[in-house]
């Protein structure tokens, strides 16, 4: 029984130390995951068919990005 408690405490400790996704890393994951980079460009990554989204964060409010 002590081994189970130890494992549970260890799991809680390790999960609390796990790196959380930041908004920028989450956005990058969506950008690449949904294939937006096929047409759009952010920085040096992406296509040229759609608008360049490099400075979109300066042009739109945060609420605009919420889906």
PDB file of N, CA and C in Angstrom:
ATOM      1  N   UNK A   1       0.824  -1.194   0.000  1.00  0.00           N
ATOM      2  CA  UNK A   1       0.000   0.000   0.000  1.00  0.00           C
ATOM      3  C   UNK A   1       0.872   1.263   0.000  1.00  0.00           C
ATOM      4  N   UNK A   2       1.983   1.249   0.711  1.00  0.00           N
ATOM      5  CA  UNK A   2       2.880   2.394   0.733  1.00  0.00           C
ATOM      6  C   UNK A   2       3.478   2.646  -0.634  1.00  0.00           C
ATOM      7  N   UNK A   3       3.720   1.573  -1.379  1.00  0.00           N
ATOM      8  CA  UNK A   3       4.280   1.717  -2.721  1.00  0.00           C
ATOM      9  C   UNK A   3       3.299   2.455  -3.623  1.00  0.00           C
ATOM     10  N   UNK A   4       2.026   2.176  -3.494  1.00  0.00           N
ATOM     11  CA  UNK A   4       1.004   2.841  -4.307  1.00  0.00           C
ATOM     12  C   UNK A   4       0.928   4.319  -3.957  1.00  0.00           C
ATOM     13  N   UNK A   5       0.976   4.631  -2.673  1.00  0.00           N
ATOM     14  CA  UNK A   5       0.969   6.038  -2.250  1.00  0.00           C
ATOM     15  C   UNK A   5       2.187   6.769  -2.793  1.00  0.00           C
ATOM     16  N   UNK A   6       3.353   6.116  -2.714  1.00  0.00           N
ATOM     17  CA  UNK A   6       4.577   6.708  -3.215  1.00  0.00           C
ATOM     18  C   UNK A   6       4.474   6.985  -4.712  1.00  0.00           C
ATOM     19  N   UNK A   7       3.953   6.025  -5.453  1.00  0.00           N
ATOM     20  CA  UNK A   7       3.807   6.192  -6.906  1.00  0.00           C
ATOM     21  C   UNK A   7       2.840   7.315  -7.222  1.00  0.00           C
ATOM     22  N   UNK A   8       1.735   7.404  -6.519  1.00  0.00           N
ATOM     23  CA  UNK A   8       0.765   8.479  -6.741  1.00  0.00           C
ATOM     24  C   UNK A   8       1.371   9.843  -6.420  1.00  0.00           C
ATOM     25  N   UNK A   9       2.093   9.953  -5.323  1.00  0.00           N
ATOM     26  CA  UNK A   9       2.731  11.220  -4.963  1.00  0.00           C
ATOM     27  C   UNK A   9       3.780  11.590  -5.996  1.00  0.00           C
ATOM     28  N   UNK A  10       4.561  10.602  -6.442  1.00  0.00           N
ATOM     29  CA  UNK A  10       5.572  10.839  -7.466  1.00  0.00           C
ATOM     30  C   UNK A  10       4.920  11.314  -8.762  1.00  0.00           C
ATOM     31  N   UNK A  11       3.823  10.682  -9.147  1.00  0.00           N
ATOM     32  CA  UNK A  11       3.112  11.068 -10.362  1.00  0.00           C
ATOM     33  C   UNK A  11       2.603  12.508 -10.272  1.00  0.00           C
ATOM     34  N   UNK A  12       2.039  12.882  -9.149  1.00  0.00           N
ATOM     35  CA  UNK A  12       1.538  14.246  -8.963  1.00  0.00           C
ATOM     36  C   UNK A  12       2.697  15.240  -9.029  1.00  0.00           C
ATOM     37  N   UNK A  13       3.796  14.902  -8.412  1.00  0.00           N
ATOM     38  CA  UNK A  13       4.966  15.789  -8.422  1.00  0.00           C
ATOM     39  C   UNK A  13       5.501  15.958  -9.837  1.00  0.00           C
ATOM     40  N   UNK A  14       5.656  14.858 -10.559  1.00  0.00           N
ATOM     41  CA  UNK A  14       6.197  14.919 -11.919  1.00  0.00           C
ATOM     42  C   UNK A  14       5.242  15.657 -12.854  1.00  0.00           C
ATOM     43  N   UNK A  15       3.950  15.421 -12.750  1.00  0.00           N
ATOM     44  CA  UNK A  15       2.999  16.098 -13.628  1.00  0.00           C
ATOM     45  C   UNK A  15       2.966  17.592 -13.350  1.00  0.00           C
ATOM     46  N   UNK A  16       3.204  18.004 -12.120  1.00  0.00           N
ATOM     47  CA  UNK A  16       3.261  19.423 -11.791  1.00  0.00           C
ATOM     48  C   UNK A  16       4.491  20.100 -12.349  1.00  0.00           C
ATOM     49  N   UNK A  17       5.542  19.342 -12.566  1.00  0.00           N
ATOM     50  CA  UNK A  17       6.790  19.880 -13.107  1.00  0.00           C
ATOM     51  C   UNK A  17       6.833  19.823 -14.628  1.00  0.00           C
ATOM     52  N   UNK A  18       5.863  19.178 -15.211  1.00  0.00           N
ATOM     53  CA  UNK A  18       5.862  19.043 -16.669  1.00  0.00           C
ATOM     54  C   UNK A  18       5.729  20.414 -17.316  1.00  0.00           C
ATOM     55  N   UNK A  19       6.373  20.579 -18.445  1.00  0.00           N
ATOM     56  CA  UNK A  19       6.347  21.853 -19.147  1.00  0.00           C
ATOM     57  C   UNK A  19       4.949  22.090 -19.738  1.00  0.00           C
ATOM     58  N   UNK A  20       4.387  23.195 -19.384  1.00  0.00           N
ATOM     59  CA  UNK A  20       3.080  23.572 -19.916  1.00  0.00           C
ATOM     60  C   UNK A  20       3.273  24.263 -21.267  1.00  0.00           C
ATOM     61  N   UNK A  21       2.316  24.065 -22.167  1.00  0.00           N
ATOM     62  CA  UNK A  21       2.391  24.735 -23.465  1.00  0.00           C
ATOM     63  C   UNK A  21       2.086  26.217 -23.285  1.00  0.00           C
ATOM     64  N   UNK A  22       2.920  27.038 -23.851  1.00  0.00           N
ATOM     65  CA  UNK A  22       2.665  28.467 -23.846  1.00  0.00           C
ATOM     66  C   UNK A  22       1.707  28.772 -24.993  1.00  0.00           C
ATOM     67  N   UNK A  23       1.171  29.986 -24.994  1.00  0.00           N
ATOM     68  CA  UNK A  23       0.261  30.359 -26.076  1.00  0.00           C
ATOM     69  C   UNK A  23       0.968  30.302 -27.423  1.00  0.00           C
ATOM     70  N   UNK A  24       2.244  30.717 -27.439  1.00  0.00           N
ATOM     71  CA  UNK A  24       2.958  30.719 -28.715  1.00  0.00           C
ATOM     72  C   UNK A  24       3.243  29.306 -29.196  1.00  0.00           C
ATOM     73  N   UNK A  25       3.605  28.395 -28.288  1.00  0.00           N
ATOM     74  CA  UNK A  25       3.864  27.025 -28.729  1.00  0.00           C
ATOM     75  C   UNK A  25       2.567  26.324 -29.117  1.00  0.00           C
ATOM     76  N   UNK A  26       1.476  26.664 -28.446  1.00  0.00           N
ATOM     77  CA  UNK A  26       0.178  26.102 -28.806  1.00  0.00           C
ATOM     78  C   UNK A  26      -0.259  26.622 -30.179  1.00  0.00           C
ATOM     79  N   UNK A  27      -0.036  27.908 -30.425  1.00  0.00           N
ATOM     80  CA  UNK A  27      -0.364  28.488 -31.728  1.00  0.00           C
ATOM     81  C   UNK A  27       0.463  27.879 -32.837  1.00  0.00           C
ATOM     82  N   UNK A  28       1.745  27.657 -32.573  1.00  0.00           N
ATOM     83  CA  UNK A  28       2.617  27.035 -33.564  1.00  0.00           C
ATOM     84  C   UNK A  28       2.151  25.614 -33.869  1.00  0.00           C
ATOM     85  N   UNK A  29       1.757  24.880 -32.837  1.00  0.00           N
ATOM     86  CA  UNK A  29       1.261  23.519 -33.038  1.00  0.00           C
ATOM     87  C   UNK A  29       0.001  23.517 -33.904  1.00  0.00           C
ATOM     88  N   UNK A  30      -0.909  24.457 -33.667  1.00  0.00           N
ATOM     89  CA  UNK A  30      -2.123  24.558 -34.483  1.00  0.00           C
ATOM     90  C   UNK A  30      -1.780  24.969 -35.916  1.00  0.00           C
ATOM     91  N   UNK A  31      -0.899  25.943 -36.061  1.00  0.00           N
ATOM     92  CA  UNK A  31      -0.502  26.443 -37.377  1.00  0.00           C
ATOM     93  C   UNK A  31       0.069  25.317 -38.237  1.00  0.00           C
ATOM     94  N   UNK A  32       0.932  24.528 -37.651  1.00  0.00           N
ATOM     95  CA  UNK A  32       1.535  23.422 -38.394  1.00  0.00           C
ATOM     96  C   UNK A  32       0.589  22.223 -38.485  1.00  0.00           C
ATOM     97  N   UNK A  33      -0.135  21.953 -37.399  1.00  0.00           N
ATOM     98  CA  UNK A  33      -1.027  20.796 -37.355  1.00  0.00           C
ATOM     99  C   UNK A  33      -2.198  20.877 -38.319  1.00  0.00           C
ATOM    100  N   UNK A  34      -2.748  22.059 -38.483  1.00  0.00           N
ATOM    101  CA  UNK A  34      -3.877  22.230 -39.400  1.00  0.00           C
ATOM    102  C   UNK A  34      -3.427  22.517 -40.827  1.00  0.00           C
ATOM    103  N   UNK A  35      -2.124  22.570 -41.036  1.00  0.00           N
ATOM    104  CA  UNK A  35      -1.604  22.783 -42.384  1.00  0.00           C
ATOM    105  C   UNK A  35      -1.700  24.214 -42.869  1.00  0.00           C
ATOM    106  N   UNK A  36      -1.831  25.156 -41.961  1.00  0.00           N
ATOM    107  CA  UNK A  36      -1.917  26.572 -42.345  1.00  0.00           C
ATOM    108  C   UNK A  36      -0.653  27.021 -43.070  1.00  0.00           C
ATOM    109  N   UNK A  37       0.469  26.369 -42.718  1.00  0.00           N
ATOM    110  CA  UNK A  37       1.747  26.730 -43.321  1.00  0.00           C
ATOM    111  C   UNK A  37       1.820  26.364 -44.802  1.00  0.00           C
ATOM    112  N   UNK A  38       0.843  25.644 -45.294  1.00  0.00           N
ATOM    113  CA  UNK A  38       0.802  25.329 -46.722  1.00  0.00           C
ATOM    114  C   UNK A  38       0.630  26.610 -47.529  1.00  0.00           C
ATOM    115  N   UNK A  39      -0.196  27.508 -47.043  1.00  0.00           N
ATOM    116  CA  UNK A  39      -0.458  28.759 -47.759  1.00  0.00           C
ATOM    117  C   UNK A  39       0.132  29.978 -47.058  1.00  0.00           C
ATOM    118  N   UNK A  40       0.031  30.013 -45.721  1.00  0.00           N
ATOM    119  CA  UNK A  40       0.444  31.180 -44.951  1.00  0.00           C
ATOM    120  C   UNK A  40       1.878  31.047 -44.477  1.00  0.00           C
ATOM    121  N   UNK A  41       2.476  32.176 -44.190  1.00  0.00           N
ATOM    122  CA  UNK A  41       3.846  32.232 -43.710  1.00  0.00           C
ATOM    123  C   UNK A  41       3.890  32.962 -42.381  1.00  0.00           C
ATOM    124  N   UNK A  42       4.669  32.438 -41.435  1.00  0.00           N
ATOM    125  CA  UNK A  42       4.960  33.108 -40.177  1.00  0.00           C
ATOM    126  C   UNK A  42       6.475  33.082 -40.030  1.00  0.00           C
ATOM    127  N   UNK A  43       7.076  34.251 -40.061  1.00  0.00           N
ATOM    128  CA  UNK A  43       8.532  34.323 -40.040  1.00  0.00           C
ATOM    129  C   UNK A  43       9.083  33.759 -41.333  1.00  0.00           C
ATOM    130  N   UNK A  44       9.923  32.762 -41.220  1.00  0.00           N
ATOM    131  CA  UNK A  44      10.514  32.132 -42.399  1.00  0.00           C
ATOM    132  C   UNK A  44       9.848  30.802 -42.737  1.00  0.00           C
ATOM    133  N   UNK A  45       8.790  30.439 -41.995  1.00  0.00           N
ATOM    134  CA  UNK A  45       8.140  29.143 -42.176  1.00  0.00           C
ATOM    135  C   UNK A  45       6.819  29.319 -42.898  1.00  0.00           C
ATOM    136  N   UNK A  46       6.615  28.569 -43.976  1.00  0.00           N
ATOM    137  CA  UNK A  46       5.322  28.546 -44.625  1.00  0.00           C
ATOM    138  C   UNK A  46       5.348  28.897 -46.088  1.00  0.00           C
ATOM    139  N   UNK A  47       4.145  28.940 -46.653  1.00  0.00           N
ATOM    140  CA  UNK A  47       3.968  29.182 -48.075  1.00  0.00           C
ATOM    141  C   UNK A  47       3.831  30.650 -48.416  1.00  0.00           C
ATOM    142  N   UNK A  48       3.502  30.868 -49.690  1.00  0.00           N
ATOM    143  CA  UNK A  48       3.402  32.255 -50.173  1.00  0.00           C
ATOM    144  C   UNK A  48       2.043  32.564 -50.780  1.00  0.00           C
ATOM    145  N   UNK A  49       1.130  31.586 -50.803  1.00  0.00           N
ATOM    146  CA  UNK A  49      -0.176  31.817 -51.424  1.00  0.00           C
ATOM    147  C   UNK A  49      -1.099  32.696 -50.576  1.00  0.00           C
ATOM    148  N   UNK A  50      -1.082  32.479 -49.262  1.00  0.00           N
ATOM    149  CA  UNK A  50      -1.942  33.253 -48.365  1.00  0.00           C
ATOM    150  C   UNK A  50      -1.200  34.429 -47.778  1.00  0.00           C
ATOM    151  N   UNK A  51      -1.907  35.268 -47.035  1.00  0.00           N
ATOM    152  CA  UNK A  51      -1.274  36.426 -46.405  1.00  0.00           C
ATOM    153  C   UNK A  51      -0.201  36.010 -45.394  1.00  0.00           C
ATOM    154  N   UNK A  52       0.823  36.815 -45.279  1.00  0.00           N
ATOM    155  CA  UNK A  52       1.874  36.614 -44.287  1.00  0.00           C
ATOM    156  C   UNK A  52       1.288  36.935 -42.909  1.00  0.00           C
ATOM    157  N   UNK A  53       1.383  35.990 -41.983  1.00  0.00           N
ATOM    158  CA  UNK A  53       0.780  36.162 -40.660  1.00  0.00           C
ATOM    159  C   UNK A  53       1.807  36.501 -39.577  1.00  0.00           C
ATOM    160  N   UNK A  54       2.997  36.883 -39.984  1.00  0.00           N
ATOM    161  CA  UNK A  54       4.074  37.160 -39.035  1.00  0.00           C
ATOM    162  C   UNK A  54       3.684  38.215 -38.008  1.00  0.00           C
ATOM    163  N   UNK A  55       3.051  39.274 -38.414  1.00  0.00           N
ATOM    164  CA  UNK A  55       2.717  40.362 -37.488  1.00  0.00           C
ATOM    165  C   UNK A  55       1.235  40.412 -37.138  1.00  0.00           C
ATOM    166  N   UNK A  56       0.522  39.323 -37.311  1.00  0.00           N
ATOM    167  CA  UNK A  56      -0.926  39.301 -37.064  1.00  0.00           C
ATOM    168  C   UNK A  56      -1.249  39.634 -35.602  1.00  0.00           C
ATOM    169  N   UNK A  57      -0.354  39.275 -34.680  1.00  0.00           N
ATOM    170  CA  UNK A  57      -0.578  39.564 -33.260  1.00  0.00           C
ATOM    171  C   UNK A  57      -0.563  41.045 -32.939  1.00  0.00           C
ATOM    172  N   UNK A  58       0.072  41.837 -33.785  1.00  0.00           N
ATOM    173  CA  UNK A  58       0.102  43.283 -33.584  1.00  0.00           C
ATOM    174  C   UNK A  58      -1.101  43.960 -34.223  1.00  0.00           C
ATOM    175  N   UNK A  59      -1.733  43.283 -35.170  1.00  0.00           N
ATOM    176  CA  UNK A  59      -2.850  43.890 -35.900  1.00  0.00           C
ATOM    177  C   UNK A  59      -4.211  43.506 -35.346  1.00  0.00           C
ATOM    178  N   UNK A  60      -4.302  42.393 -34.651  1.00  0.00           N
ATOM    179  CA  UNK A  60      -5.581  41.907 -34.122  1.00  0.00           C
ATOM    180  C   UNK A  60      -5.518  41.797 -32.612  1.00  0.00           C
ATOM    181  N   UNK A  61      -6.690  41.900 -31.969  1.00  0.00           N
ATOM    182  CA  UNK A  61      -6.779  41.723 -30.528  1.00  0.00           C
ATOM    183  C   UNK A  61      -6.808  40.232 -30.209  1.00  0.00           C
ATOM    184  N   UNK A  62      -6.467  39.885 -28.978  1.00  0.00           N
ATOM    185  CA  UNK A  62      -6.397  38.487 -28.568  1.00  0.00           C
ATOM    186  C   UNK A  62      -7.724  37.755 -28.758  1.00  0.00           C
ATOM    187  N   UNK A  63      -8.842  38.449 -28.551  1.00  0.00           N
ATOM    188  CA  UNK A  63     -10.157  37.830 -28.693  1.00  0.00           C
ATOM    189  C   UNK A  63     -10.389  37.333 -30.126  1.00  0.00           C
ATOM    190  N   UNK A  64      -9.779  37.982 -31.091  1.00  0.00           N
ATOM    191  CA  UNK A  64      -9.940  37.610 -32.494  1.00  0.00           C
ATOM    192  C   UNK A  64      -9.429  36.197 -32.730  1.00  0.00           C
ATOM    193  N   UNK A  65      -8.430  35.763 -31.958  1.00  0.00           N
ATOM    194  CA  UNK A  65      -7.827  34.450 -32.158  1.00  0.00           C
ATOM    195  C   UNK A  65      -8.612  33.330 -31.505  1.00  0.00           C
ATOM    196  N   UNK A  66      -9.491  33.652 -30.565  1.00  0.00           N
ATOM    197  CA  UNK A  66     -10.271  32.607 -29.896  1.00  0.00           C
ATOM    198  C   UNK A  66     -11.288  32.023 -30.850  1.00  0.00           C
ATOM    199  N   UNK A  67     -11.268  30.696 -30.904  1.00  0.00           N
ATOM    200  CA  UNK A  67     -12.211  29.991 -31.810  1.00  0.00           C
ATOM    201  C   UNK A  67     -13.443  29.564 -31.065  1.00  0.00           C
TER     202      UNK A  67
END
